[in-house]
Amino acid sequence: MDATLQAEKRAGRGKNEARRLRAQGRIPAVVYGAQKGQATEIAVDPKALLKILHSESGVNTLIGLQLDGGDTRVLVKEYQIEPIGHKLLHADFYQVAMDKTLTLTVQIVMKGEAPGVKQQGGIVDFVNREIDIEVLPGDIPENIVVDISELMLNQGIRVRDLQTADAKWKPISDPDLMIVHVVSVKAEEPAATEVAAPAGAAEPEVIKKGKTDKDEE
C-alpha cells in the first residue's frame, strides 16, 4: 500500500516547540536521509499518520512525504504514543531508495481451516506471526498469507515451506522457523496469579522499527 502525508519544515525544537505544534494539531517529526547524518525536522498531522499506521500494511506502508513541493519516499522508523490517551507524540521517518532492497518484518495471515482440527481434534498453534523478508520498497506486501487447509495433526508450515516462486520478496528468517502447526489438545494449566503493578506515572510508549542514534526530543 502507498500513502501520502503532508509535512512542513520546523525551525524550532525542544519541549516548548513540541507543545506549540500539538496545540496546532500537529506533532514534531524527523526525516532521516539516505546518507548518514542527514536529518530534516518536520511537523505532520497525527491523525493522517495514525490512519496510515492503522492500515493493513501499518509501519510497512510506503509513504510519499509531501514536503516543500517535493515527494520523498519514506517509511516509519519509530513513533511515540502517549499511553493514556493513545495520542501520537512524535514520529521518525527514514528516506528509502526505490532501487535498493530493504529488510522488513511482515505479518503472517492464516487462510483456510485445517482438517487436523475438524477431523482429528487438534488445535492450531500459530507460533510465529511475523517473519523477516528482503524486498524492494515498491513491492512491500501488506501481509503474507499462509494456507492451512491441508494441515493434519502434527503437521506444520515452516518458513522454507512458504510459496515464494512468484513472490517479489525473499524470506530471510531461519528456514526451519515454525510458523503454524496443528497439535494435540493439552490440559489447561492453572492460570498464573496476576501481580498488580506499582502505581506511578505512565511513560510514553515508543514503538521502534530499528535502531536510532537520535535522543528523544
C-alpha atoms as a PDB file:
ATOM      1  CA  MET A   1       0.000   0.000   0.000  1.00  0.00           C
ATOM      2  CA  ASP A   2       1.159   3.528  -0.832  1.00  0.00           C
ATOM      3  CA  ALA A   3       0.027   6.638   1.030  1.00  0.00           C
ATOM      4  CA  THR A   4       0.740  10.358   1.066  1.00  0.00           C
ATOM      5  CA  LEU A   5       1.425  12.581   4.037  1.00  0.00           C
ATOM      6  CA  GLN A   6       1.678  16.355   4.100  1.00  0.00           C
ATOM      7  CA  ALA A   7       4.612  17.808   6.035  1.00  0.00           C
ATOM      8  CA  GLU A   8       6.258  21.140   6.675  1.00  0.00           C
ATOM      9  CA  LYS A   9       9.688  22.057   7.951  1.00  0.00           C
ATOM     10  CA  ARG A  10      10.022  23.372  11.501  1.00  0.00           C
ATOM     11  CA  ALA A  11      12.723  25.693  12.734  1.00  0.00           C
ATOM     12  CA  GLY A  12      12.440  25.175  16.472  1.00  0.00           C
ATOM     13  CA  ARG A  13      12.897  22.147  18.673  1.00  0.00           C
ATOM     14  CA  GLY A  14      12.514  21.143  22.297  1.00  0.00           C
ATOM     15  CA  LYS A  15       9.532  20.732  24.589  1.00  0.00           C
ATOM     16  CA  ASN A  16       8.105  24.219  24.061  1.00  0.00           C
ATOM     17  CA  GLU A  17       8.113  23.794  20.289  1.00  0.00           C
ATOM     18  CA  ALA A  18       6.510  20.363  20.625  1.00  0.00           C
ATOM     19  CA  ARG A  19       3.725  21.796  22.820  1.00  0.00           C
ATOM     20  CA  ARG A  20       3.135  24.608  20.337  1.00  0.00           C
ATOM     21  CA  LEU A  21       2.843  22.177  17.431  1.00  0.00           C
ATOM     22  CA  ARG A  22       0.493  19.865  19.313  1.00  0.00           C
ATOM     23  CA  ALA A  23      -1.703  22.827  20.239  1.00  0.00           C
ATOM     24  CA  GLN A  24      -1.998  23.470  16.490  1.00  0.00           C
ATOM     25  CA  GLY A  25      -2.979  19.891  15.759  1.00  0.00           C
ATOM     26  CA  ARG A  26       0.431  18.715  14.546  1.00  0.00           C
ATOM     27  CA  ILE A  27       3.321  16.757  16.011  1.00  0.00           C
ATOM     28  CA  PRO A  28       7.104  17.067  15.655  1.00  0.00           C
ATOM     29  CA  ALA A  29       8.862  14.529  13.450  1.00  0.00           C
ATOM     30  CA  VAL A  30      12.252  13.900  11.853  1.00  0.00           C
ATOM     31  CA  VAL A  31      13.145  12.544   8.407  1.00  0.00           C
ATOM     32  CA  TYR A  32      16.494  10.794   8.197  1.00  0.00           C
ATOM     33  CA  GLY A  33      18.092  10.949   4.763  1.00  0.00           C
ATOM     34  CA  ALA A  34      19.617   8.205   2.663  1.00  0.00           C
ATOM     35  CA  GLN A  35      23.084   9.372   3.741  1.00  0.00           C
ATOM     36  CA  LYS A  36      24.244   9.146   7.329  1.00  0.00           C
ATOM     37  CA  GLY A  37      23.978  12.423   9.216  1.00  0.00           C
ATOM     38  CA  GLN A  38      21.163  13.830   7.084  1.00  0.00           C
ATOM     39  CA  ALA A  39      18.095  14.799   9.080  1.00  0.00           C
ATOM     40  CA  THR A  40      15.225  17.207   8.453  1.00  0.00           C
ATOM     41  CA  GLU A  41      12.960  18.333  11.266  1.00  0.00           C
ATOM     42  CA  ILE A  42       9.331  18.496  10.196  1.00  0.00           C
ATOM     43  CA  ALA A  43       5.761  18.659  11.510  1.00  0.00           C
ATOM     44  CA  VAL A  44       2.931  16.348  10.401  1.00  0.00           C
ATOM     45  CA  ASP A  45      -0.760  15.778  11.092  1.00  0.00           C
ATOM     46  CA  PRO A  46      -1.015  12.984  13.713  1.00  0.00           C
ATOM     47  CA  LYS A  47      -4.497  11.942  12.557  1.00  0.00           C
ATOM     48  CA  ALA A  48      -3.282  11.374   8.997  1.00  0.00           C
ATOM     49  CA  LEU A  49      -0.274   9.414  10.247  1.00  0.00           C
ATOM     50  CA  LEU A  50      -2.399   7.294  12.599  1.00  0.00           C
ATOM     51  CA  LYS A  51      -4.649   6.377   9.674  1.00  0.00           C
ATOM     52  CA  ILE A  52      -1.562   5.063   7.865  1.00  0.00           C
ATOM     53  CA  LEU A  53      -0.302   3.188  10.925  1.00  0.00           C
ATOM     54  CA  HIS A  54      -3.714   1.541  11.398  1.00  0.00           C
ATOM     55  CA  SER A  55      -3.899   0.411   7.763  1.00  0.00           C
ATOM     56  CA  GLU A  56      -3.337  -3.183   6.678  1.00  0.00           C
ATOM     57  CA  SER A  57       0.360  -2.610   5.966  1.00  0.00           C
ATOM     58  CA  GLY A  58       0.895  -0.418   9.059  1.00  0.00           C
ATOM     59  CA  VAL A  59       4.501   0.650   9.604  1.00  0.00           C
ATOM     60  CA  ASN A  60       5.476  -1.018   6.320  1.00  0.00           C
ATOM     61  CA  THR A  61       3.389   1.454   4.320  1.00  0.00           C
ATOM     62  CA  LEU A  62       5.445   3.286   1.709  1.00  0.00           C
ATOM     63  CA  ILE A  63       4.685   6.966   2.277  1.00  0.00           C
ATOM     64  CA  GLY A  64       5.001   9.779  -0.226  1.00  0.00           C
ATOM     65  CA  LEU A  65       6.017  12.654   2.056  1.00  0.00           C
ATOM     66  CA  GLN A  66       4.863  15.954   0.540  1.00  0.00           C
ATOM     67  CA  LEU A  67       7.484  18.495   1.647  1.00  0.00           C
ATOM     68  CA  ASP A  68       8.374  21.825   0.024  1.00  0.00           C
ATOM     69  CA  GLY A  69       6.688  20.827  -3.229  1.00  0.00           C
ATOM     70  CA  GLY A  70       8.652  17.583  -3.450  1.00  0.00           C
ATOM     71  CA  ASP A  71       7.689  13.962  -2.933  1.00  0.00           C
ATOM     72  CA  THR A  72      10.095  11.969  -0.785  1.00  0.00           C
ATOM     73  CA  ARG A  73       9.507   8.254  -0.305  1.00  0.00           C
ATOM     74  CA  VAL A  74       9.822   7.280   3.353  1.00  0.00           C
ATOM     75  CA  LEU A  75       8.972   4.546   5.842  1.00  0.00           C
ATOM     76  CA  VAL A  76       8.208   4.947   9.533  1.00  0.00           C
ATOM     77  CA  LYS A  77      11.295   4.335  11.661  1.00  0.00           C
ATOM     78  CA  GLU A  78       9.640   4.665  15.064  1.00  0.00           C
ATOM     79  CA  TYR A  79       6.864   6.584  16.770  1.00  0.00           C
ATOM     80  CA  GLN A  80       5.962   7.608  20.277  1.00  0.00           C
ATOM     81  CA  ILE A  81       2.470   7.233  21.763  1.00  0.00           C
ATOM     82  CA  GLU A  82       1.049   8.774  24.924  1.00  0.00           C
ATOM     83  CA  PRO A  83      -0.027   5.695  26.955  1.00  0.00           C
ATOM     84  CA  ILE A  84      -3.261   7.011  28.483  1.00  0.00           C
ATOM     85  CA  GLY A  85      -4.874   8.931  25.634  1.00  0.00           C
ATOM     86  CA  HIS A  86      -3.068   6.879  22.940  1.00  0.00           C
ATOM     87  CA  LYS A  87      -2.183  10.048  21.059  1.00  0.00           C
ATOM     88  CA  LEU A  88       0.822  10.301  18.780  1.00  0.00           C
ATOM     89  CA  LEU A  89       3.556  12.464  20.285  1.00  0.00           C
ATOM     90  CA  HIS A  90       6.451  12.123  17.863  1.00  0.00           C
ATOM     91  CA  ALA A  91       7.499  10.196  14.753  1.00  0.00           C
ATOM     92  CA  ASP A  92      10.692   9.416  12.895  1.00  0.00           C
ATOM     93  CA  PHE A  93      10.875   8.520   9.198  1.00  0.00           C
ATOM     94  CA  TYR A  94      13.711   7.323   7.000  1.00  0.00           C
ATOM     95  CA  GLN A  95      14.115   8.001   3.302  1.00  0.00           C
ATOM     96  CA  VAL A  96      14.272   4.970   1.023  1.00  0.00           C
ATOM     97  CA  ALA A  97      15.841   4.419  -2.395  1.00  0.00           C
ATOM     98  CA  MET A  98      13.335   2.697  -4.667  1.00  0.00           C
ATOM     99  CA  ASP A  99      16.045   0.587  -6.345  1.00  0.00           C
ATOM    100  CA  LYS A 100      17.573  -0.774  -3.127  1.00  0.00           C
ATOM    101  CA  THR A 101      16.177  -3.703  -1.143  1.00  0.00           C
ATOM    102  CA  LEU A 102      15.050  -3.330   2.459  1.00  0.00           C
ATOM    103  CA  THR A 103      14.863  -5.789   5.320  1.00  0.00           C
ATOM    104  CA  LEU A 104      11.433  -5.647   6.958  1.00  0.00           C
ATOM    105  CA  THR A 105       9.295  -7.617   9.384  1.00  0.00           C
ATOM    106  CA  VAL A 106       5.962  -8.572   7.811  1.00  0.00           C
ATOM    107  CA  GLN A 107       2.829 -10.009   9.424  1.00  0.00           C
ATOM    108  CA  ILE A 108       1.630 -13.540   8.642  1.00  0.00           C
ATOM    109  CA  VAL A 109      -2.090 -14.094   7.976  1.00  0.00           C
ATOM    110  CA  MET A 110      -3.672 -17.576   8.087  1.00  0.00           C
ATOM    111  CA  LYS A 111      -6.181 -18.755   5.485  1.00  0.00           C
ATOM    112  CA  GLY A 112      -8.373 -21.846   5.477  1.00  0.00           C
ATOM    113  CA  GLU A 113      -9.451 -24.447   8.023  1.00  0.00           C
ATOM    114  CA  ALA A 114      -7.098 -27.261   8.995  1.00  0.00           C
ATOM    115  CA  PRO A 115      -8.626 -30.782   8.668  1.00  0.00           C
ATOM    116  CA  GLY A 116      -6.415 -31.788  11.582  1.00  0.00           C
ATOM    117  CA  VAL A 117      -8.720 -29.708  13.766  1.00  0.00           C
ATOM    118  CA  LYS A 118     -12.085 -30.785  12.381  1.00  0.00           C
ATOM    119  CA  GLN A 119     -11.312 -34.434  11.737  1.00  0.00           C
ATOM    120  CA  GLN A 120      -8.655 -35.247  14.339  1.00  0.00           C
ATOM    121  CA  GLY A 121      -9.485 -32.942  17.250  1.00  0.00           C
ATOM    122  CA  GLY A 122      -6.266 -30.955  17.178  1.00  0.00           C
ATOM    123  CA  ILE A 123      -5.781 -27.223  17.632  1.00  0.00           C
ATOM    124  CA  VAL A 124      -3.954 -24.703  15.504  1.00  0.00           C
ATOM    125  CA  ASP A 125      -0.854 -23.301  17.192  1.00  0.00           C
ATOM    126  CA  PHE A 126       0.095 -20.038  15.474  1.00  0.00           C
ATOM    127  CA  VAL A 127       3.714 -19.975  16.654  1.00  0.00           C
ATOM    128  CA  ASN A 128       5.255 -17.076  14.743  1.00  0.00           C
ATOM    129  CA  ARG A 129       3.025 -14.343  13.371  1.00  0.00           C
ATOM    130  CA  GLU A 130       5.799 -12.384  11.643  1.00  0.00           C
ATOM    131  CA  ILE A 131       8.856 -13.118   9.518  1.00  0.00           C
ATOM    132  CA  ASP A 132      11.702 -11.034   8.138  1.00  0.00           C
ATOM    133  CA  ILE A 133      11.912 -10.503   4.397  1.00  0.00           C
ATOM    134  CA  GLU A 134      14.072  -8.719   1.842  1.00  0.00           C
ATOM    135  CA  VAL A 135      12.138  -6.645  -0.685  1.00  0.00           C
ATOM    136  CA  LEU A 136      12.234  -3.535  -2.870  1.00  0.00           C
ATOM    137  CA  PRO A 137      10.256  -0.586  -1.423  1.00  0.00           C
ATOM    138  CA  GLY A 138       7.716  -0.670  -4.230  1.00  0.00           C
ATOM    139  CA  ASP A 139       6.972  -4.366  -3.685  1.00  0.00           C
ATOM    140  CA  ILE A 140       6.379  -4.446   0.087  1.00  0.00           C
ATOM    141  CA  PRO A 141       3.462  -6.837   0.760  1.00  0.00           C
ATOM    142  CA  GLU A 142       0.685  -5.853   3.165  1.00  0.00           C
ATOM    143  CA  ASN A 143       0.998  -9.321   4.700  1.00  0.00           C
ATOM    144  CA  ILE A 144       1.973 -12.881   3.807  1.00  0.00           C
ATOM    145  CA  VAL A 145      -0.871 -15.382   3.518  1.00  0.00           C
ATOM    146  CA  VAL A 146      -0.328 -18.935   4.778  1.00  0.00           C
ATOM    147  CA  ASP A 147      -2.874 -21.567   3.709  1.00  0.00           C
ATOM    148  CA  ILE A 148      -3.515 -24.165   6.438  1.00  0.00           C
ATOM    149  CA  SER A 149      -6.359 -26.002   4.644  1.00  0.00           C
ATOM    150  CA  GLU A 150      -4.287 -29.190   4.188  1.00  0.00           C
ATOM    151  CA  LEU A 151      -2.694 -29.441   7.619  1.00  0.00           C
ATOM    152  CA  MET A 152      -3.357 -32.666   9.516  1.00  0.00           C
ATOM    153  CA  LEU A 153      -2.475 -33.392  13.147  1.00  0.00           C
ATOM    154  CA  ASN A 154       1.240 -32.927  13.868  1.00  0.00           C
ATOM    155  CA  GLN A 155       1.812 -31.193  10.533  1.00  0.00           C
ATOM    156  CA  GLY A 156       3.023 -27.627  10.181  1.00  0.00           C
ATOM    157  CA  ILE A 157       4.327 -24.908   7.905  1.00  0.00           C
ATOM    158  CA  ARG A 158       7.842 -23.544   8.285  1.00  0.00           C
ATOM    159  CA  VAL A 159       9.486 -20.607   6.565  1.00  0.00           C
ATOM    160  CA  ARG A 160      11.019 -22.964   3.996  1.00  0.00           C
ATOM    161  CA  ASP A 161       7.502 -24.139   3.047  1.00  0.00           C
ATOM    162  CA  LEU A 162       6.272 -20.695   2.006  1.00  0.00           C
ATOM    163  CA  GLN A 163       5.278 -20.305  -1.623  1.00  0.00           C
ATOM    164  CA  THR A 164       7.790 -17.771  -2.953  1.00  0.00           C
ATOM    165  CA  ALA A 165       8.085 -18.755  -6.638  1.00  0.00           C
ATOM    166  CA  ASP A 166       6.040 -15.771  -7.838  1.00  0.00           C
ATOM    167  CA  ALA A 167       6.726 -13.528  -4.855  1.00  0.00           C
ATOM    168  CA  LYS A 168       8.648 -10.267  -5.192  1.00  0.00           C
ATOM    169  CA  TRP A 169      10.137 -10.726  -1.739  1.00  0.00           C
ATOM    170  CA  LYS A 170      12.620 -13.197  -0.255  1.00  0.00           C
ATOM    171  CA  PRO A 171      12.324 -14.633   3.273  1.00  0.00           C
ATOM    172  CA  ILE A 172      15.457 -14.182   5.367  1.00  0.00           C
ATOM    173  CA  SER A 173      14.198 -15.667   8.623  1.00  0.00           C
ATOM    174  CA  ASP A 174      15.529 -19.097   9.591  1.00  0.00           C
ATOM    175  CA  PRO A 175      14.124 -21.624   7.055  1.00  0.00           C
ATOM    176  CA  ASP A 176      13.365 -24.030   9.923  1.00  0.00           C
ATOM    177  CA  LEU A 177      11.342 -21.439  11.843  1.00  0.00           C
ATOM    178  CA  MET A 178       7.889 -22.887  12.555  1.00  0.00           C
ATOM    179  CA  ILE A 179       5.061 -20.554  11.567  1.00  0.00           C
ATOM    180  CA  VAL A 180       1.991 -22.641  12.341  1.00  0.00           C
ATOM    181  CA  HIS A 181       1.234 -26.292  13.150  1.00  0.00           C
ATOM    182  CA  VAL A 182      -1.622 -28.488  14.320  1.00  0.00           C
ATOM    183  CA  VAL A 183      -1.036 -30.066  17.722  1.00  0.00           C
ATOM    184  CA  SER A 184      -2.913 -32.247  20.201  1.00  0.00           C
ATOM    185  CA  VAL A 185      -5.084 -30.560  22.793  1.00  0.00           C
ATOM    186  CA  LYS A 186      -3.295 -30.288  26.138  1.00  0.00           C
ATOM    187  CA  ALA A 187      -4.865 -29.993  29.571  1.00  0.00           C
ATOM    188  CA  GLU A 188      -5.185 -26.362  30.545  1.00  0.00           C
ATOM    189  CA  GLU A 189      -2.629 -25.214  33.074  1.00  0.00           C
ATOM    190  CA  PRO A 190      -3.753 -23.228  36.134  1.00  0.00           C
ATOM    191  CA  ALA A 191      -3.762 -19.518  35.415  1.00  0.00           C
ATOM    192  CA  ALA A 192      -0.865 -17.630  36.957  1.00  0.00           C
ATOM    193  CA  THR A 193      -1.704 -15.233  39.755  1.00  0.00           C
ATOM    194  CA  GLU A 194      -1.613 -11.684  38.483  1.00  0.00           C
ATOM    195  CA  VAL A 195       0.556  -9.259  40.393  1.00  0.00           C
ATOM    196  CA  ALA A 196      -0.586  -5.653  40.344  1.00  0.00           C
ATOM    197  CA  ALA A 197       1.979  -3.225  39.001  1.00  0.00           C
ATOM    198  CA  PRO A 198       3.046  -0.457  41.371  1.00  0.00           C
ATOM    199  CA  ALA A 199       1.225   2.812  40.906  1.00  0.00           C
ATOM    200  CA  GLY A 200       3.119   5.524  39.087  1.00  0.00           C
ATOM    201  CA  ALA A 201       3.076   7.901  36.177  1.00  0.00           C
ATOM    202  CA  ALA A 202       2.802   6.155  32.831  1.00  0.00           C
ATOM    203  CA  GLU A 203       5.691   6.692  30.440  1.00  0.00           C
ATOM    204  CA  PRO A 204       5.190   7.381  26.715  1.00  0.00           C
ATOM    205  CA  GLU A 205       5.391   4.209  24.668  1.00  0.00           C
ATOM    206  CA  VAL A 206       7.947   4.155  21.878  1.00  0.00           C
ATOM    207  CA  ILE A 207       7.266   1.727  19.065  1.00  0.00           C
ATOM    208  CA  LYS A 208      10.557   1.030  17.329  1.00  0.00           C
ATOM    209  CA  LYS A 209      11.257  -0.355  13.896  1.00  0.00           C
ATOM    210  CA  GLY A 210      15.002  -0.162  14.096  1.00  0.00           C
ATOM    211  CA  LYS A 211      17.961   1.318  15.897  1.00  0.00           C
ATOM    212  CA  THR A 212      18.294   5.052  16.102  1.00  0.00           C
ATOM    213  CA  ASP A 213      21.011   7.372  17.339  1.00  0.00           C
ATOM    214  CA  LYS A 214      18.530  10.201  17.967  1.00  0.00           C
ATOM    215  CA  ASP A 215      17.800  11.194  21.544  1.00  0.00           C
ATOM    216  CA  GLU A 216      14.212  11.849  22.491  1.00  0.00           C
ATOM    217  CA  GLU A 217      13.197  15.450  21.989  1.00  0.00           C
END
